[in-house]
Amino acid sequence: MKEKQKVKVVSCEVYSRVVGYFRPVQNWNKGKQQEFNERKTARLDGSFSPNSSYTERH
């Protein structure tokens, strides 16, 4: 018989660089969080992908 495992969910702190400093995105104002959410990520192969939605998760 398998025992159920307890899983602890913890939120992940996301950092991004602004004006030379890495800061937690959760401390940004809503406008900057939206700007971060709209960023596109460049891949090494030259393609782009939209950033995952940070503000929808927090």
N, C-alpha and C. Protein backbone atom coordinates (compact mmCIF):
# COMPACT_ATOMS: atom_id res chain seq x y z
N MET A 1 0.83 -1.18 0.00
CA MET A 1 0.00 0.00 0.00
C MET A 1 0.88 1.25 0.00
N LYS A 2 0.60 2.16 -0.91
CA LYS A 2 1.38 3.39 -1.00
C LYS A 2 0.85 4.43 -0.02
N GLU A 3 1.78 5.08 0.64
CA GLU A 3 1.40 6.17 1.53
C GLU A 3 1.36 7.47 0.73
N LYS A 4 0.43 8.33 1.09
CA LYS A 4 0.35 9.62 0.43
C LYS A 4 1.50 10.49 0.91
N GLN A 5 2.11 11.17 -0.03
CA GLN A 5 3.19 12.09 0.31
C GLN A 5 2.63 13.48 0.54
N LYS A 6 3.14 14.13 1.55
CA LYS A 6 2.74 15.51 1.79
C LYS A 6 3.58 16.41 0.87
N VAL A 7 2.91 17.33 0.22
CA VAL A 7 3.58 18.25 -0.68
C VAL A 7 3.40 19.66 -0.15
N LYS A 8 4.49 20.36 0.00
CA LYS A 8 4.44 21.74 0.45
C LYS A 8 4.64 22.65 -0.76
N VAL A 9 3.68 23.54 -0.98
CA VAL A 9 3.76 24.47 -2.11
C VAL A 9 4.28 25.80 -1.59
N VAL A 10 5.32 26.29 -2.20
CA VAL A 10 5.88 27.59 -1.83
C VAL A 10 5.96 28.45 -3.08
N SER A 11 5.73 29.73 -2.90
CA SER A 11 5.81 30.62 -4.06
C SER A 11 7.27 30.89 -4.40
N CYS A 12 7.52 31.07 -5.66
CA CYS A 12 8.86 31.31 -6.17
C CYS A 12 9.04 32.81 -6.39
N GLU A 13 10.11 33.35 -5.90
CA GLU A 13 10.37 34.77 -6.08
C GLU A 13 11.09 34.97 -7.41
N VAL A 14 10.53 35.83 -8.26
CA VAL A 14 11.08 36.10 -9.59
C VAL A 14 11.86 37.40 -9.53
N TYR A 15 13.10 37.38 -10.00
CA TYR A 15 13.94 38.58 -10.05
C TYR A 15 14.17 38.97 -11.50
N SER A 16 14.25 40.26 -11.74
CA SER A 16 14.59 40.76 -13.06
C SER A 16 15.48 41.98 -12.90
N ARG A 17 16.25 42.26 -13.92
CA ARG A 17 17.20 43.36 -13.86
C ARG A 17 16.57 44.64 -14.39
N VAL A 18 16.63 45.68 -13.59
CA VAL A 18 16.16 47.00 -13.99
C VAL A 18 17.23 48.01 -13.61
N VAL A 19 17.65 48.80 -14.55
CA VAL A 19 18.64 49.86 -14.32
C VAL A 19 19.87 49.31 -13.59
N GLY A 20 20.33 48.14 -14.01
CA GLY A 20 21.56 47.58 -13.46
C GLY A 20 21.42 46.80 -12.17
N TYR A 21 20.23 46.74 -11.59
CA TYR A 21 20.04 46.03 -10.33
C TYR A 21 19.00 44.93 -10.48
N PHE A 22 19.25 43.79 -9.87
CA PHE A 22 18.26 42.72 -9.84
C PHE A 22 17.33 42.96 -8.66
N ARG A 23 16.04 43.00 -8.94
CA ARG A 23 15.03 43.27 -7.91
C ARG A 23 13.89 42.27 -8.05
N PRO A 24 13.24 41.89 -6.94
CA PRO A 24 12.10 40.98 -7.03
C PRO A 24 10.93 41.67 -7.74
N VAL A 25 10.38 41.00 -8.73
CA VAL A 25 9.28 41.54 -9.52
C VAL A 25 8.06 41.82 -8.64
N GLN A 26 7.85 41.03 -7.61
CA GLN A 26 6.67 41.22 -6.76
C GLN A 26 6.68 42.57 -6.05
N ASN A 27 7.85 43.21 -5.93
CA ASN A 27 7.94 44.52 -5.28
C ASN A 27 7.72 45.67 -6.25
N TRP A 28 7.57 45.38 -7.53
CA TRP A 28 7.38 46.43 -8.53
C TRP A 28 5.94 46.92 -8.50
N ASN A 29 5.72 48.15 -8.99
CA ASN A 29 4.35 48.64 -9.11
C ASN A 29 3.65 47.90 -10.25
N LYS A 30 2.33 48.02 -10.32
CA LYS A 30 1.53 47.27 -11.30
C LYS A 30 1.94 47.58 -12.73
N GLY A 31 2.31 48.84 -13.01
CA GLY A 31 2.73 49.22 -14.36
C GLY A 31 3.99 48.50 -14.79
N LYS A 32 4.98 48.45 -13.91
CA LYS A 32 6.23 47.75 -14.22
C LYS A 32 6.01 46.24 -14.32
N GLN A 33 5.11 45.68 -13.47
CA GLN A 33 4.80 44.26 -13.57
C GLN A 33 4.17 43.95 -14.92
N GLN A 34 3.29 44.83 -15.40
CA GLN A 34 2.66 44.62 -16.70
C GLN A 34 3.70 44.71 -17.81
N GLU A 35 4.61 45.68 -17.70
CA GLU A 35 5.68 45.81 -18.69
C GLU A 35 6.54 44.54 -18.71
N PHE A 36 6.86 44.00 -17.54
CA PHE A 36 7.62 42.76 -17.44
C PHE A 36 6.85 41.61 -18.09
N ASN A 37 5.54 41.58 -17.86
CA ASN A 37 4.68 40.54 -18.41
C ASN A 37 4.64 40.58 -19.94
N GLU A 38 4.79 41.77 -20.52
CA GLU A 38 4.70 41.92 -21.97
C GLU A 38 6.04 41.72 -22.67
N ARG A 39 7.12 41.53 -21.93
CA ARG A 39 8.44 41.32 -22.54
C ARG A 39 8.46 40.03 -23.33
N LYS A 40 9.33 40.01 -24.31
CA LYS A 40 9.56 38.80 -25.09
C LYS A 40 10.96 38.29 -24.75
N THR A 41 11.11 36.99 -24.75
CA THR A 41 12.38 36.37 -24.43
C THR A 41 13.04 35.90 -25.72
N ALA A 42 14.30 36.27 -25.92
CA ALA A 42 15.04 35.84 -27.11
C ALA A 42 15.69 34.48 -26.82
N ARG A 43 15.63 33.61 -27.79
CA ARG A 43 16.27 32.30 -27.67
C ARG A 43 17.57 32.33 -28.46
N LEU A 44 18.45 31.40 -28.18
CA LEU A 44 19.74 31.36 -28.87
C LEU A 44 19.59 31.12 -30.36
N ASP A 45 18.51 30.46 -30.79
CA ASP A 45 18.32 30.21 -32.21
C ASP A 45 17.75 31.42 -32.95
N GLY A 46 17.55 32.53 -32.23
CA GLY A 46 17.07 33.76 -32.85
C GLY A 46 15.57 33.94 -32.80
N SER A 47 14.82 32.94 -32.34
CA SER A 47 13.37 33.07 -32.25
C SER A 47 13.00 33.77 -30.94
N PHE A 48 11.76 34.21 -30.86
CA PHE A 48 11.28 34.90 -29.68
C PHE A 48 10.09 34.16 -29.10
N SER A 49 9.91 34.27 -27.80
CA SER A 49 8.72 33.71 -27.16
C SER A 49 8.23 34.72 -26.13
N PRO A 50 6.92 34.79 -25.92
CA PRO A 50 6.41 35.72 -24.91
C PRO A 50 6.81 35.27 -23.52
N ASN A 51 6.97 36.21 -22.63
CA ASN A 51 7.29 35.91 -21.24
C ASN A 51 6.08 35.23 -20.60
N SER A 52 6.31 34.31 -19.67
CA SER A 52 5.19 33.70 -18.96
C SER A 52 4.49 34.77 -18.15
N SER A 53 3.23 34.59 -17.92
CA SER A 53 2.42 35.61 -17.27
C SER A 53 2.68 35.65 -15.77
N TYR A 54 3.50 36.57 -15.33
CA TYR A 54 3.80 36.70 -13.90
C TYR A 54 2.61 37.26 -13.15
N THR A 55 2.02 38.33 -13.67
CA THR A 55 0.96 39.02 -12.93
C THR A 55 -0.30 38.18 -12.80
N GLU A 56 -0.56 37.28 -13.72
CA GLU A 56 -1.74 36.43 -13.61
C GLU A 56 -1.58 35.41 -12.50
N ARG A 57 -0.34 35.06 -12.17
CA ARG A 57 -0.09 34.06 -11.13
C ARG A 57 0.00 34.69 -9.76
N HIS A 58 0.14 36.01 -9.66
CA HIS A 58 0.34 36.65 -8.35
C HIS A 58 -0.68 37.70 -8.09
